[in-house]
Protein backbone atom coordinates (compact mmCIF):
# COMPACT_ATOMS: atom_id res chain seq x y z
CA MET A 1 0.00 0.00 0.00
CA ARG A 2 0.96 3.61 -0.45
CA ILE A 3 -0.24 5.40 2.68
CA VAL A 4 -0.38 9.20 2.62
CA GLN A 5 -0.25 10.84 6.02
CA LEU A 6 -1.81 14.30 5.84
CA ALA A 7 -1.67 16.74 8.76
CA ASN A 8 -1.83 20.39 9.69
CA LEU A 9 -0.56 21.79 13.00
CA VAL A 10 2.86 20.15 12.72
CA HIS A 11 6.19 21.96 12.85
CA PRO A 12 9.74 21.16 14.04
CA THR A 13 9.09 22.03 17.68
CA SER A 14 5.62 20.51 17.93
CA GLY A 15 5.08 17.37 19.91
CA GLY A 16 2.40 14.71 19.89
CA ILE A 17 1.06 14.65 16.34
CA GLY A 18 4.55 14.78 14.83
CA VAL A 19 5.68 11.89 17.02
CA VAL A 20 2.65 9.81 16.05
CA LEU A 21 3.18 10.47 12.33
CA ASP A 22 6.85 9.50 12.51
CA ARG A 23 6.37 6.40 14.66
CA LEU A 24 3.51 5.02 12.61
CA GLY A 25 5.24 5.94 9.36
CA ALA A 26 8.46 4.17 10.31
CA GLY A 27 6.41 1.08 11.05
CA TYR A 28 4.67 1.26 7.69
CA LEU A 29 8.03 1.42 5.91
CA ALA A 30 9.44 -1.46 7.97
CA ALA A 31 6.44 -3.58 6.97
CA GLY A 32 7.20 -2.96 3.28
CA HIS A 33 4.65 -0.27 2.51
CA ARG A 34 5.22 3.08 0.81
CA ARG A 35 4.74 6.29 2.77
CA ALA A 36 4.20 9.93 1.90
CA VAL A 37 3.73 12.80 4.34
CA ILE A 38 2.04 16.14 3.60
CA THR A 39 2.16 19.01 6.11
CA ALA A 40 1.73 22.78 6.09
CA ALA A 41 4.79 25.07 6.13
CA ARG A 42 6.02 28.47 4.95
CA ALA A 43 6.63 27.31 1.38
CA ASP A 44 5.97 24.50 -1.07
CA ARG A 45 8.64 21.83 -1.08
CA CYS A 46 8.98 18.16 -1.99
CA TRP A 47 11.80 15.72 -1.27
CA THR A 48 12.56 12.06 -0.63
CA GLU A 49 14.27 11.04 2.62
CA ASP A 50 16.90 8.34 3.02
CA ASP A 51 14.34 5.82 4.29
CA GLY A 52 12.19 6.29 1.19
CA THR A 53 9.60 8.59 2.74
CA LEU A 54 8.28 11.15 0.28
CA ARG A 55 7.72 14.43 2.14
CA ALA A 56 5.86 17.43 0.83
CA THR A 57 5.01 20.75 2.42
CA LEU A 58 2.38 23.12 1.13
CA ARG A 59 2.37 26.82 1.89
CA GLY A 60 0.00 27.34 4.78
CA VAL A 61 -1.54 30.23 6.67
CA ALA A 62 -0.11 30.88 10.14
CA LEU A 63 -2.62 30.58 12.98
CA PRO A 64 -2.81 33.79 15.05
CA GLY A 65 -1.24 33.05 18.42
CA GLY A 66 -0.54 29.52 17.27
CA GLY A 67 3.16 29.52 18.06
CA GLY A 68 4.20 28.59 14.52
CA TYR A 69 1.36 26.28 13.52
CA ARG A 70 0.09 26.59 9.95
CA VAL A 71 -2.84 25.18 7.99
CA VAL A 72 -3.25 24.48 4.28
CA VAL A 73 -6.11 26.54 2.83
CA ASP A 74 -5.49 26.11 -0.91
CA ARG A 75 -7.63 23.09 -1.65
CA ARG A 76 -6.77 23.00 -5.34
CA ARG A 77 -3.04 22.60 -4.69
CA LEU A 78 -3.69 19.90 -2.12
CA ARG A 79 -6.04 18.01 -4.44
CA ARG A 80 -3.43 18.21 -7.21
CA LEU A 81 -0.72 16.81 -4.94
CA LEU A 82 -2.91 13.99 -3.66
CA THR A 83 -3.84 13.06 -7.23
CA ALA A 84 -0.16 12.90 -8.19
CA LEU A 85 0.68 10.72 -5.19
CA ALA A 86 -2.08 8.21 -6.06
CA PRO A 87 -2.51 6.88 -2.51
CA ASP A 88 -4.12 3.56 -1.65
CA ALA A 89 -5.14 5.00 1.73
CA ILE A 90 -5.10 8.44 3.32
CA GLU A 91 -4.46 8.94 7.04
CA LEU A 92 -5.74 12.38 7.97
CA SER A 93 -4.62 14.00 11.23
CA ASP A 94 -6.74 17.13 11.32
CA ARG A 95 -10.41 16.88 12.22
CA LEU A 96 -11.01 20.63 12.08
CA THR A 97 -9.76 21.95 8.72
CA LEU A 98 -9.26 18.91 6.47
CA PRO A 99 -12.34 16.65 6.71
CA TRP A 100 -13.38 17.82 3.23
CA VAL A 101 -10.61 15.55 1.90
CA ALA A 102 -12.73 12.55 2.91
CA GLY A 103 -15.52 13.42 0.46
CA TRP A 104 -13.09 14.21 -2.34
CA ALA A 105 -11.21 10.93 -1.83
CA HIS A 106 -14.40 8.88 -1.45
CA ARG A 107 -15.55 9.96 -4.91
CA ARG A 108 -12.27 8.57 -6.26
CA GLY A 109 -12.45 5.28 -4.38
CA VAL A 110 -9.65 6.12 -1.95
CA PRO A 111 -10.39 5.26 1.71
CA VAL A 112 -9.70 7.92 4.34
CA THR A 113 -9.04 7.42 8.03
CA ILE A 114 -9.40 10.48 10.27
CA VAL A 115 -7.22 10.21 13.37
CA VAL A 116 -8.87 12.08 16.24
CA HIS A 117 -6.06 13.68 18.24
CA GLU A 118 -8.29 15.82 20.47
CA ARG A 119 -11.79 16.19 21.84
CA ALA A 120 -13.53 19.07 20.09
CA GLU A 121 -15.12 20.52 23.22
CA HIS A 122 -11.73 20.82 24.92
CA ALA A 123 -10.16 22.61 21.96
CA LEU A 124 -13.14 24.94 21.58
CA SER A 125 -13.35 25.78 25.28
CA THR A 126 -9.85 27.22 24.97
CA TRP A 127 -10.87 29.74 22.33
CA LEU A 128 -14.51 30.58 23.05
CA PRO A 129 -15.04 33.30 25.69
CA ALA A 130 -15.12 31.50 29.06
CA GLY A 131 -15.74 28.30 27.13
CA ILE A 132 -19.41 29.26 26.73
CA GLY A 133 -21.16 27.06 24.19
CA ALA A 134 -18.18 24.78 23.65
CA GLU A 135 -20.03 21.54 24.39
CA ALA A 136 -22.96 22.32 22.10
CA VAL A 137 -20.73 23.43 19.23
CA ALA A 138 -18.48 20.40 19.72
CA ALA A 139 -21.42 18.00 19.74
CA ARG A 140 -22.57 19.31 16.36
CA ALA A 141 -19.01 19.09 15.02
CA ASP A 142 -18.67 15.50 16.25
CA VAL A 143 -21.93 14.51 14.51
CA ARG A 144 -20.73 16.08 11.25
CA LEU A 145 -17.38 14.30 11.51
CA ALA A 146 -19.01 10.93 12.19
CA ARG A 147 -21.08 11.41 9.01
CA GLN A 148 -18.03 11.90 6.81
CA PRO A 149 -17.28 9.06 4.35
CA ALA A 150 -14.26 8.10 6.42
CA ARG A 151 -13.27 5.80 9.26
CA LEU A 152 -12.41 7.33 12.64
CA VAL A 153 -9.52 6.22 14.86
CA ALA A 154 -8.91 7.57 18.37
CA PRO A 155 -6.00 6.84 20.74
CA SER A 156 -8.13 6.41 23.87
CA ALA A 157 -11.60 5.46 25.00
CA PHE A 158 -11.98 9.08 26.15
CA ALA A 159 -11.29 10.44 22.66
CA ALA A 160 -13.53 7.85 21.00
CA GLY A 161 -16.31 8.57 23.47
CA ALA A 162 -17.23 11.80 21.73
CA PHE A 163 -18.81 9.82 18.89
CA PRO A 164 -21.72 7.37 18.71
CA GLU A 165 -20.75 3.92 19.98
CA GLY A 166 -18.87 1.90 17.37
CA THR A 167 -18.11 4.94 15.19
CA ALA A 168 -14.47 5.36 16.24
CA SER A 169 -11.97 2.53 16.65
CA VAL A 170 -9.55 2.83 19.59
CA VAL A 171 -5.87 2.40 18.72
CA PRO A 172 -3.70 3.49 21.68
CA TRP A 173 -0.29 4.99 20.95
CA GLY A 174 2.93 3.58 22.36
CA VAL A 175 6.29 4.58 23.79
CA ASP A 176 9.90 3.88 22.90
CA LEU A 177 10.96 1.87 25.95
CA THR A 178 14.61 2.03 24.91
CA ALA A 179 14.91 5.79 24.45
CA PHE A 180 12.74 6.48 27.48
CA HIS A 181 14.35 4.35 30.16
CA PRO A 182 15.21 4.73 33.87
CA ALA A 183 18.87 4.27 32.94
CA ARG A 184 18.80 7.82 31.50
CA ARG A 185 18.65 9.12 35.04
CA ARG A 186 21.67 11.18 36.07
CA PRO A 187 22.92 11.42 39.67
CA ALA A 188 20.94 14.09 41.52
CA GLY A 189 22.86 17.24 42.39
CA ARG A 190 20.90 17.75 45.63
CA ASN A 191 19.01 14.86 47.16
CA ASP A 192 17.00 17.15 49.43
CA VAL A 193 15.28 18.98 46.55
CA ILE A 194 12.16 17.54 44.92
CA GLN A 195 12.52 17.69 41.14
CA LEU A 196 9.30 18.26 39.21
CA VAL A 197 9.06 18.32 35.42
CA LEU A 198 6.50 19.51 32.90
CA VAL A 199 6.87 18.41 29.26
CA GLY A 200 4.60 19.71 26.55
CA ARG A 201 3.44 22.56 24.40
CA LEU A 202 3.07 25.81 26.31
CA SER A 203 -0.41 26.70 25.10
CA HIS A 204 -3.76 27.47 26.71
CA GLU A 205 -5.35 24.06 26.23
CA LYS A 206 -2.44 22.29 27.99
CA ARG A 207 -2.91 24.37 31.19
CA PRO A 208 0.83 24.70 31.98
CA GLU A 209 0.13 27.42 34.56
CA LEU A 210 -1.27 24.72 36.86
CA ALA A 211 2.21 23.24 37.20
CA ILE A 212 3.70 26.59 38.21
CA GLU A 213 0.96 27.33 40.73
CA ALA A 214 1.19 23.80 42.17
CA LEU A 215 4.91 24.44 42.71
CA ARG A 216 4.05 27.69 44.50
CA ARG A 217 1.78 25.85 46.91
CA LEU A 218 4.27 23.06 47.54
CA ARG A 219 6.94 25.56 48.46
CA GLY A 220 4.46 27.46 50.59
CA ALA A 221 3.91 24.21 52.50
CA GLY A 222 7.64 23.93 53.15
CA ILE A 223 8.42 21.34 50.46
CA PRO A 224 11.72 22.22 48.71
CA ALA A 225 10.60 21.62 45.13
CA GLU A 226 11.89 22.89 41.78
CA LEU A 227 10.28 22.72 38.36
CA THR A 228 11.86 22.12 34.94
CA VAL A 229 9.73 22.99 31.91
CA VAL A 230 10.53 21.28 28.60
CA GLY A 231 8.73 22.58 25.54
CA ASP A 232 7.77 25.80 23.84
CA GLY A 233 4.66 27.62 22.75
CA PRO A 234 2.76 30.91 22.73
CA LEU A 235 2.56 31.12 26.56
CA ARG A 236 6.31 30.88 27.15
CA ASP A 237 6.96 34.54 27.99
CA ARG A 238 3.82 34.84 30.10
CA LEU A 239 4.81 31.76 32.11
CA ARG A 240 8.31 33.11 32.64
CA ARG A 241 6.87 36.27 34.14
CA ARG A 242 4.43 34.31 36.25
CA SER A 243 7.19 32.15 37.73
CA ALA A 244 9.81 34.87 38.19
CA ASP A 245 9.75 34.38 41.98
CA LEU A 246 9.98 30.59 41.80
CA PRO A 247 12.76 28.08 41.01
CA VAL A 248 11.55 27.27 37.50
CA THR A 249 13.89 26.42 34.62
CA PHE A 250 12.64 26.72 31.03
CA LEU A 251 14.59 24.49 28.66
CA GLY A 252 12.52 25.04 25.52
CA HIS A 253 12.27 22.36 22.86
CA ARG A 254 14.96 19.71 23.35
CA PRO A 255 16.13 16.55 21.51
CA THR A 256 14.45 13.28 22.43
CA LEU A 257 17.25 11.76 24.49
CA GLU A 258 17.74 14.97 26.44
CA VAL A 259 14.03 15.00 27.25
CA ALA A 260 14.36 11.41 28.42
CA SER A 261 17.22 12.34 30.75
CA VAL A 262 15.22 15.19 32.26
CA LEU A 263 12.20 12.94 32.75
CA ALA A 264 14.24 10.14 34.28
CA GLY A 265 15.86 12.54 36.72
CA ALA A 266 12.61 13.95 38.04
CA ASP A 267 10.70 12.79 41.10
CA VAL A 268 7.28 13.54 39.62
CA CYS A 269 6.09 14.58 36.15
CA LEU A 270 3.14 16.98 36.06
CA ALA A 271 0.51 16.37 33.36
CA PRO A 272 -2.17 19.02 33.96
CA CYS A 273 -4.06 19.06 30.64
CA PRO A 274 -7.69 18.20 31.56
CA GLY A 275 -8.67 17.13 28.05
CA GLU A 276 -5.61 15.17 26.90
CA ALA A 277 -6.69 12.66 24.26
CA PHE A 278 -3.84 10.31 25.15
CA GLY A 279 -0.79 11.83 26.86
CA LEU A 280 2.44 10.87 25.08
CA ALA A 281 4.68 12.97 27.35
CA ALA A 282 3.11 11.44 30.46
CA LEU A 283 3.63 7.95 29.05
CA GLU A 284 7.27 8.79 28.28
CA ALA A 285 7.72 9.89 31.90
CA LEU A 286 6.31 6.58 33.12
CA ALA A 287 8.70 4.73 30.81
CA CYS A 288 11.57 6.61 32.48
CA GLY A 289 10.41 5.33 35.85
CA THR A 290 8.94 8.69 36.88
CA PRO A 291 5.41 8.73 38.33
CA ILE A 292 2.90 11.28 37.08
CA ALA A 293 0.50 13.70 38.74
CA ALA A 294 -2.18 13.93 36.08
CA ALA A 295 -5.55 15.49 35.42
CA LYS A 296 -8.40 13.22 36.52
CA THR A 297 -10.25 13.88 33.27
CA GLY A 298 -9.36 13.13 29.66
CA GLY A 299 -7.29 10.17 28.54
CA LEU A 300 -4.56 10.38 31.18
CA PRO A 301 -6.33 8.14 33.76
CA GLU A 302 -6.29 5.37 31.15
CA LEU A 303 -2.48 5.33 31.27
CA LEU A 304 -2.70 4.48 34.96
CA GLY A 305 -5.63 2.10 34.60
CA VAL A 306 -7.82 4.10 36.97
CA GLU A 307 -11.33 5.48 36.77
CA ALA A 308 -11.64 8.90 35.19
CA GLY A 309 -13.43 11.74 36.93
CA ARG A 310 -12.28 11.12 40.49
CA PRO A 311 -8.91 11.55 42.26
CA GLU A 312 -7.03 8.27 42.43
CA LEU A 313 -3.65 7.21 43.81
CA THR A 314 -1.48 4.38 42.49
CA PRO A 315 2.28 3.89 42.95
CA ALA A 316 2.72 4.90 39.30
CA GLY A 317 0.75 8.09 39.54
CA ALA A 318 -2.04 10.16 41.03
CA THR A 319 -4.94 11.90 39.31
CA ALA A 320 -6.29 15.23 40.49
CA SER A 321 -8.78 17.99 39.80
CA SER A 322 -7.52 20.85 37.65
CA THR A 323 -6.56 23.18 40.49
CA PRO A 324 -3.12 24.07 41.88
CA GLN A 325 -4.11 22.83 45.35
CA ALA A 326 -5.23 19.45 44.01
CA PHE A 327 -2.06 18.98 41.97
CA ALA A 328 0.14 19.91 44.90
CA PHE A 329 -1.71 17.40 47.05
CA ALA A 330 -1.29 14.70 44.37
CA VAL A 331 2.47 15.33 44.38
CA GLU A 332 2.57 15.08 48.18
CA ARG A 333 0.66 11.79 48.09
CA LEU A 334 3.11 10.33 45.59
CA LEU A 335 6.13 11.49 47.55
CA GLY A 336 4.70 9.71 50.57
CA LEU A 337 5.28 6.36 48.82
CA PRO A 338 8.72 4.65 48.78
CA GLU A 339 10.77 5.92 45.84
CA GLN A 340 11.68 2.52 44.41
CA GLN A 341 8.06 1.44 44.57
CA ARG A 342 7.05 4.53 42.60
CA ARG A 343 9.74 4.10 39.97
CA HIS A 344 9.18 0.37 39.42
CA ALA A 345 5.42 0.85 39.20
CA ALA A 346 5.80 3.69 36.68
CA ARG A 347 8.02 1.62 34.40
CA ALA A 348 5.66 -1.34 34.64
CA ALA A 349 2.69 0.86 33.72
CA ALA A 350 4.48 2.11 30.60
CA ALA A 351 5.47 -1.38 29.49
CA ARG A 352 1.84 -2.09 28.58
CA TRP A 353 1.98 0.38 25.68
CA SER A 354 4.04 -0.36 22.56
CA TRP A 355 4.39 1.27 19.17
CA SER A 356 4.58 -2.16 17.55
CA SER A 357 1.02 -2.85 18.69
CA SER A 358 -0.11 0.57 17.43
CA ILE A 359 1.51 0.03 14.03
CA GLU A 360 0.07 -3.47 13.66
CA ALA A 361 -3.42 -2.22 14.51
CA MET A 362 -3.20 0.72 12.10
CA LEU A 363 -1.91 -1.47 9.25
CA GLU A 364 -4.75 -3.92 9.80
CA HIS A 365 -7.14 -0.98 9.80
CA HIS A 366 -5.77 0.46 6.54
CA ALA A 367 -5.76 -2.95 4.82
CA ARG A 368 -9.40 -3.40 5.80
CA THR A 369 -10.41 0.01 4.45
CA VAL A 370 -8.61 -0.67 1.15
CA GLN A 371 -10.39 -4.02 0.77
CA LEU A 372 -13.76 -2.45 1.50
CA ALA A 373 -13.11 0.35 -1.01
CA ALA A 374 -12.16 -2.21 -3.67
CA VAL A 375 -15.52 -3.99 -3.45
CA ALA A 376 -17.65 -0.87 -3.02
């Protein structure tokens, strides 16, 4: 098969979607399939990488306040490129601006899979004033998406739950257990300081300010904690100002193995996004043997195998309401457990998630859609 992966909202310092595209794509190539990737950028460009991946960028419009994200708006150029690529299957990673591709491809007998990377109501609540009307607007958007001539895939039961039962298949993502490993941990400089870490895009929907305010409350309670922030985004400068009186280090976007070292060296990783569809950074922390303090809503509780919607405590992590006080309390609860118990439990929790399983499931899914399109 030739599988075309099509996505907006991807750039060199972005996180989750880019990781998913690359991990799945590498698996497709390893299984003997052909792969092409189309994303939005500043200019049109096309090239072939050493592994055989055909990459193309189309000039896109920058999103205001999007921290570098762009979207393709010229449908004619995109249709022309897709026609030239002659895909057997299209994997579309943008539910907001690209669903029209499904109808166009359907008329040509090409199956489309829309990968749902976020819940619509969470994304909309970030941009609508006070989140008013987000749920109603999202519900209508979810109905429209489910009616598209395309298959839906979601990485968690939470993400799939936005659609009528049976509409979206659940294919969880995985983690590189070699790159993200407890052995990346470096000797601590000061054993009496609690090291917290936040990894992710610094944008409104991720709620990074909760990590800073949780640190403020921990220190106010006499706990000598520090916070390292890995990642970049439109809120970076605002967060720097907000944390000027706290021991917070901003590292920006860093290479994978450096991120793994930071995660492995932390005592607790904070994952405050209340609407995370999966939580790749949190899973990477677990793989490094670092427990997580995570939002009790969204897909993060699924990583710990606990019930969503209520605070829970396991040796691998604690879930909490989206308030600084609740997150600080979750950190304290975790620190009350023996360190080796926490680290072993975190690693064990991560071992349940593998990219090989994700790739196998997605290839089976694409093969099925191609077969169905052939007999339609």
